């Protein structure tokens, strides 16, 4: 093959997987009127020998090196060998890190692959939020077995706000309302009791919460939903279900969602340590 017919070679060198450098290289290559280049990715570089071997190959093929390297010493090695062999090279991460050092507080962590870990955390959080929405208020009992935690309690005991708060902590939470006239799903009683948490509240506070809820909806606050007699009946029924399951019970009376969520997270942490 004639030299003019040979595709240029772009060496992607990274101390992580090299995805960022490859995306940048492909974006630049796409600007050349449909012409293409061969991309050779070299991930997880962490020693001088690998850097030297890539540089020698790039010299022999007439290629270029595009690199995203976090560790300053490794970055200097890539630059040294590229200059030694006269190889065109582009440091994507270095100049950005140096510019940020002038405005960012503290020192960088210098950990390769952090962005991928952050992306993974983001997607786990989104998945947990979608889970909380899908299995909110007992919508689909099939989701109970898939949950990290199942919250049970009467109406207005913060089940949904707690589910969403914990979802942002990447915890998959389902919740089931307990109503005397409706039998809880059988799936609830088949769960490991450590995965279930009951929520209770003082009757007087629940009365005030429900009364305000009805007023906000333009409904009469004398409805049975907000009557103290009905509330006592529901709480007694819910307590019976929780005792039957044998799950821990959290009292949310005068508790902010953040406070209760903190206790639930601690419970989950201890349970995972015991596994």
Protein backbone atom coordinates (compact mmCIF):
# COMPACT_ATOMS: atom_id res chain seq x y z
CA UNK A 1 0.00 0.00 0.00
CA UNK A 2 1.31 3.42 -0.91
CA UNK A 3 2.04 5.80 1.98
CA UNK A 4 -0.51 8.29 0.67
CA UNK A 5 -3.18 5.57 0.78
CA UNK A 6 -2.43 4.56 4.35
CA UNK A 7 -4.83 5.78 7.02
CA UNK A 8 -3.28 8.01 9.66
CA UNK A 9 -3.07 6.33 13.06
CA UNK A 10 -4.26 8.09 16.19
CA UNK A 11 -2.98 6.52 19.40
CA UNK A 12 -5.31 7.06 22.33
CA UNK A 13 -3.31 6.77 25.52
CA UNK A 14 -4.96 6.91 28.95
CA UNK A 15 -4.50 5.84 32.56
CA UNK A 16 -8.24 5.01 32.50
CA UNK A 17 -10.19 3.59 29.55
CA UNK A 18 -9.44 6.44 27.10
CA UNK A 19 -13.05 7.06 26.17
CA UNK A 20 -12.79 10.86 26.49
CA UNK A 21 -9.70 11.13 24.28
CA UNK A 22 -11.27 8.86 21.67
CA UNK A 23 -14.43 10.98 21.52
CA UNK A 24 -12.35 14.12 21.03
CA UNK A 25 -10.24 12.45 18.34
CA UNK A 26 -13.31 11.18 16.48
CA UNK A 27 -14.92 14.64 16.63
CA UNK A 28 -11.79 16.17 15.10
CA UNK A 29 -11.41 13.45 12.46
CA UNK A 30 -15.03 13.95 11.36
CA UNK A 31 -14.14 17.46 10.18
CA UNK A 32 -11.92 16.11 7.37
CA UNK A 33 -14.46 15.71 4.58
CA UNK A 34 -15.30 12.08 5.20
CA UNK A 35 -11.67 10.99 5.45
CA UNK A 36 -10.97 8.54 8.24
CA UNK A 37 -8.13 7.58 10.53
CA UNK A 38 -7.35 4.43 12.41
CA UNK A 39 -7.75 4.72 16.17
CA UNK A 40 -5.73 2.50 18.48
CA UNK A 41 -6.71 2.83 22.10
CA UNK A 42 -4.20 1.95 24.83
CA UNK A 43 -6.03 2.04 28.19
CA UNK A 44 -4.83 1.75 31.79
CA UNK A 45 -1.30 2.97 31.11
CA UNK A 46 0.67 3.24 34.35
CA UNK A 47 4.35 2.68 33.54
CA UNK A 48 7.14 4.16 31.46
CA UNK A 49 7.70 1.02 29.38
CA UNK A 50 4.17 1.17 27.92
CA UNK A 51 4.55 4.86 27.15
CA UNK A 52 7.87 4.20 25.37
CA UNK A 53 6.41 1.31 23.34
CA UNK A 54 3.42 3.38 22.19
CA UNK A 55 5.68 6.28 21.25
CA UNK A 56 8.00 4.01 19.24
CA UNK A 57 5.06 2.52 17.37
CA UNK A 58 3.62 5.97 16.70
CA UNK A 59 7.01 7.04 15.34
CA UNK A 60 7.15 4.03 13.01
CA UNK A 61 3.60 4.51 11.70
CA UNK A 62 3.82 8.29 11.46
CA UNK A 63 0.89 8.57 13.87
CA UNK A 64 -0.09 11.02 16.56
CA UNK A 65 -0.77 10.58 20.28
CA UNK A 66 -3.88 11.95 21.98
CA UNK A 67 -3.83 11.37 25.72
CA UNK A 68 -5.88 11.82 28.85
CA UNK A 69 -3.58 11.14 31.78
CA UNK A 70 -4.32 12.28 35.32
CA UNK A 71 -1.01 11.64 37.07
CA UNK A 72 1.42 14.54 36.40
CA UNK A 73 4.52 12.31 36.28
CA UNK A 74 2.95 9.99 33.69
CA UNK A 75 1.83 13.02 31.69
CA UNK A 76 5.40 14.30 31.63
CA UNK A 77 6.62 10.91 30.39
CA UNK A 78 4.16 10.89 27.49
CA UNK A 79 5.26 14.39 26.50
CA UNK A 80 8.96 13.47 26.84
CA UNK A 81 8.74 10.44 24.55
CA UNK A 82 6.48 12.19 22.04
CA UNK A 83 8.98 15.04 21.75
CA UNK A 84 11.91 12.61 21.67
CA UNK A 85 10.51 10.86 18.59
CA UNK A 86 9.01 13.99 17.02
CA UNK A 87 5.45 12.75 17.33
CA UNK A 88 2.55 15.22 17.18
CA UNK A 89 0.76 14.94 20.52
CA UNK A 90 -2.26 16.45 22.24
CA UNK A 91 -2.65 16.55 26.02
CA UNK A 92 -6.37 16.86 26.66
CA UNK A 93 -6.42 16.61 30.44
CA UNK A 94 -3.26 18.47 31.49
CA UNK A 95 -4.06 22.04 30.38
CA UNK A 96 -7.61 21.72 31.71
CA UNK A 97 -6.36 20.53 35.09
CA UNK A 98 -3.80 23.34 35.24
CA UNK A 99 -6.41 25.98 34.40
CA UNK A 100 -8.81 24.59 37.00
CA UNK A 101 -6.09 24.63 39.65
CA UNK A 102 -6.22 28.45 39.50
CA UNK A 103 -9.88 28.63 40.42
CA UNK A 104 -10.82 25.40 42.22
CA UNK A 105 -10.44 25.13 46.01
CA UNK A 106 -8.23 22.39 47.40
CA UNK A 107 -6.08 19.86 45.57
CA UNK A 108 -7.24 17.44 42.83
CA UNK A 109 -7.73 13.81 43.83
CA UNK A 110 -5.58 12.55 40.93
CA UNK A 111 -7.59 9.34 40.57
CA UNK A 112 -7.92 7.92 37.04
CA UNK A 113 -11.42 6.88 35.98
CA UNK A 114 -13.31 9.12 38.42
CA UNK A 115 -15.63 10.47 35.74
CA UNK A 116 -16.80 6.95 34.92
CA UNK A 117 -17.48 6.25 38.57
CA UNK A 118 -19.41 9.52 38.83
CA UNK A 119 -21.40 8.59 35.73
CA UNK A 120 -22.18 5.19 37.24
CA UNK A 121 -23.42 6.88 40.41
CA UNK A 122 -25.61 9.19 38.33
CA UNK A 123 -27.23 6.31 36.48
CA UNK A 124 -27.77 4.36 39.71
CA UNK A 125 -29.49 7.42 41.17
CA UNK A 126 -31.74 7.83 38.12
CA UNK A 127 -32.60 4.13 38.24
CA UNK A 128 -33.49 4.40 41.94
CA UNK A 129 -35.69 7.45 41.32
CA UNK A 130 -37.53 5.68 38.50
CA UNK A 131 -37.96 2.68 40.78
CA UNK A 132 -39.44 4.83 43.58
CA UNK A 133 -41.93 6.37 41.16
CA UNK A 134 -42.92 3.01 39.65
CA UNK A 135 -43.45 1.30 42.99
CA UNK A 136 -44.88 4.22 44.96
CA UNK A 137 -48.03 3.76 47.04
CA UNK A 138 -48.25 0.01 46.43
CA UNK A 139 -48.78 0.41 42.69
CA UNK A 140 -47.18 -2.92 41.77
CA UNK A 141 -46.44 -5.44 44.54
CA UNK A 142 -44.12 -7.35 42.19
CA UNK A 143 -41.56 -4.64 42.80
CA UNK A 144 -41.32 -5.35 46.53
CA UNK A 145 -38.88 -8.21 46.05
CA UNK A 146 -36.65 -5.97 43.93
CA UNK A 147 -36.45 -3.16 46.49
CA UNK A 148 -33.54 -2.43 48.80
CA UNK A 149 -36.10 -1.20 51.32
CA UNK A 150 -39.89 -1.30 51.65
CA UNK A 151 -41.67 1.36 53.72
CA UNK A 152 -45.11 0.65 55.16
CA UNK A 153 -47.49 2.88 57.07
CA UNK A 154 -50.78 4.71 57.01
CA UNK A 155 -51.42 7.66 54.71
CA UNK A 156 -49.38 10.85 55.39
CA UNK A 157 -46.47 9.22 57.25
CA UNK A 158 -43.90 10.51 54.71
CA UNK A 159 -43.57 7.25 52.78
CA UNK A 160 -43.28 8.92 49.37
CA UNK A 161 -40.96 11.79 50.41
CA UNK A 162 -38.69 9.30 52.17
CA UNK A 163 -38.70 7.01 49.12
CA UNK A 164 -37.62 9.87 46.85
CA UNK A 165 -35.01 11.17 49.31
CA UNK A 166 -33.43 7.72 49.61
CA UNK A 167 -33.60 7.27 45.83
CA UNK A 168 -31.27 10.24 45.51
CA UNK A 169 -28.90 8.22 47.70
CA UNK A 170 -29.13 5.37 45.17
CA UNK A 171 -31.42 3.28 47.39
CA UNK A 172 -34.31 1.51 45.63
CA UNK A 173 -37.37 2.01 47.81
CA UNK A 174 -40.95 0.79 47.39
CA UNK A 175 -43.73 1.79 49.73
CA UNK A 176 -47.07 0.26 50.66
CA UNK A 177 -49.98 2.10 52.32
CA UNK A 178 -51.71 0.27 55.13
CA UNK A 179 -55.49 0.66 55.06
CA UNK A 180 -57.82 -1.45 57.23
CA UNK A 181 -60.20 -2.18 54.35
CA UNK A 182 -57.45 -3.36 52.00
CA UNK A 183 -55.42 -6.51 52.63
CA UNK A 184 -51.66 -5.86 52.17
CA UNK A 185 -50.11 -7.74 49.23
CA UNK A 186 -48.93 -11.27 50.01
CA UNK A 187 -45.52 -10.32 48.61
CA UNK A 188 -45.01 -8.08 51.64
CA UNK A 189 -45.13 -11.01 54.05
CA UNK A 190 -42.66 -13.03 51.98
CA UNK A 191 -39.92 -10.41 52.31
CA UNK A 192 -36.99 -10.64 54.69
CA UNK A 193 -38.24 -8.57 57.63
CA UNK A 194 -34.95 -6.62 57.65
CA UNK A 195 -35.94 -5.14 54.27
CA UNK A 196 -39.17 -3.69 55.68
CA UNK A 197 -39.56 -0.59 57.88
CA UNK A 198 -42.82 0.52 59.44
CA UNK A 199 -43.57 4.22 59.84
CA UNK A 200 -45.81 5.46 62.61
CA UNK A 201 -46.82 8.88 63.94
CA UNK A 202 -48.71 10.38 66.84
CA UNK A 203 -52.49 10.50 66.28
CA UNK A 204 -52.70 14.24 67.04
CA UNK A 205 -50.03 15.20 64.54
CA UNK A 206 -51.52 12.95 61.89
CA UNK A 207 -54.89 14.58 62.53
CA UNK A 208 -53.41 18.05 61.90
CA UNK A 209 -51.55 16.90 58.79
CA UNK A 210 -54.62 15.28 57.28
CA UNK A 211 -56.84 18.23 58.13
CA UNK A 212 -54.43 20.61 56.37
CA UNK A 213 -54.25 18.24 53.42
CA UNK A 214 -58.01 18.26 52.98
CA UNK A 215 -58.16 22.05 53.25
CA UNK A 216 -55.45 22.40 50.60
CA UNK A 217 -57.59 20.27 48.30
CA UNK A 218 -60.67 22.35 49.03
CA UNK A 219 -62.36 19.47 50.84
CA UNK A 220 -64.22 19.54 54.13
CA UNK A 221 -61.89 18.80 57.04
CA UNK A 222 -64.68 16.94 58.84
CA UNK A 223 -64.18 14.03 56.45
CA UNK A 224 -63.67 10.62 58.09
CA UNK A 225 -60.13 10.65 56.60
CA UNK A 226 -59.18 13.34 59.12
CA UNK A 227 -61.23 12.15 62.07
CA UNK A 228 -59.34 11.16 65.19
CA UNK A 229 -61.40 7.99 65.51
CA UNK A 230 -60.47 6.88 62.00
CA UNK A 231 -56.81 7.77 62.57
CA UNK A 232 -56.65 5.68 65.75
CA UNK A 233 -58.23 2.75 63.92
CA UNK A 234 -55.70 2.99 61.08
CA UNK A 235 -52.69 3.31 63.38
CA UNK A 236 -53.79 0.31 65.43
CA UNK A 237 -54.29 -1.74 62.27
CA UNK A 238 -50.90 -0.69 60.88
CA UNK A 239 -49.14 -1.54 64.13
CA UNK A 240 -50.65 -5.03 63.97
CA UNK A 241 -49.31 -5.56 60.44
CA UNK A 242 -45.84 -4.32 61.44
CA UNK A 243 -45.74 -6.65 64.45
CA UNK A 244 -46.84 -9.55 62.27
CA UNK A 245 -43.96 -8.88 59.88
CA UNK A 246 -41.55 -8.24 62.78
CA UNK A 247 -39.99 -5.23 61.10
CA UNK A 248 -38.40 -2.22 62.82
CA UNK A 249 -40.77 0.71 63.40
CA UNK A 250 -39.72 4.35 63.07
CA UNK A 251 -41.76 7.11 64.71
CA UNK A 252 -41.84 10.11 62.33
CA UNK A 253 -43.67 12.41 64.78
CA UNK A 254 -42.16 15.92 64.52
CA UNK A 255 -39.31 14.50 62.42
CA UNK A 256 -38.02 16.12 59.25
CA UNK A 257 -37.70 13.82 56.25
CA UNK A 258 -33.92 14.28 56.35
CA UNK A 259 -33.76 13.13 59.98
CA UNK A 260 -35.74 9.95 59.39
CA UNK A 261 -33.86 9.26 56.15
CA UNK A 262 -30.58 9.53 58.03
CA UNK A 263 -31.72 6.84 60.46
CA UNK A 264 -32.89 4.64 57.59
CA UNK A 265 -29.55 5.01 55.82
CA UNK A 266 -27.76 4.04 59.02
CA UNK A 267 -30.01 0.98 59.32
CA UNK A 268 -29.23 -0.03 55.73
CA UNK A 269 -25.51 0.49 56.30
CA UNK A 270 -25.50 -1.76 59.36
CA UNK A 271 -27.48 -4.44 57.58
CA UNK A 272 -25.06 -4.45 54.64
CA UNK A 273 -22.11 -4.75 57.01
CA UNK A 274 -23.73 -7.80 58.57
CA UNK A 275 -24.29 -9.54 55.24
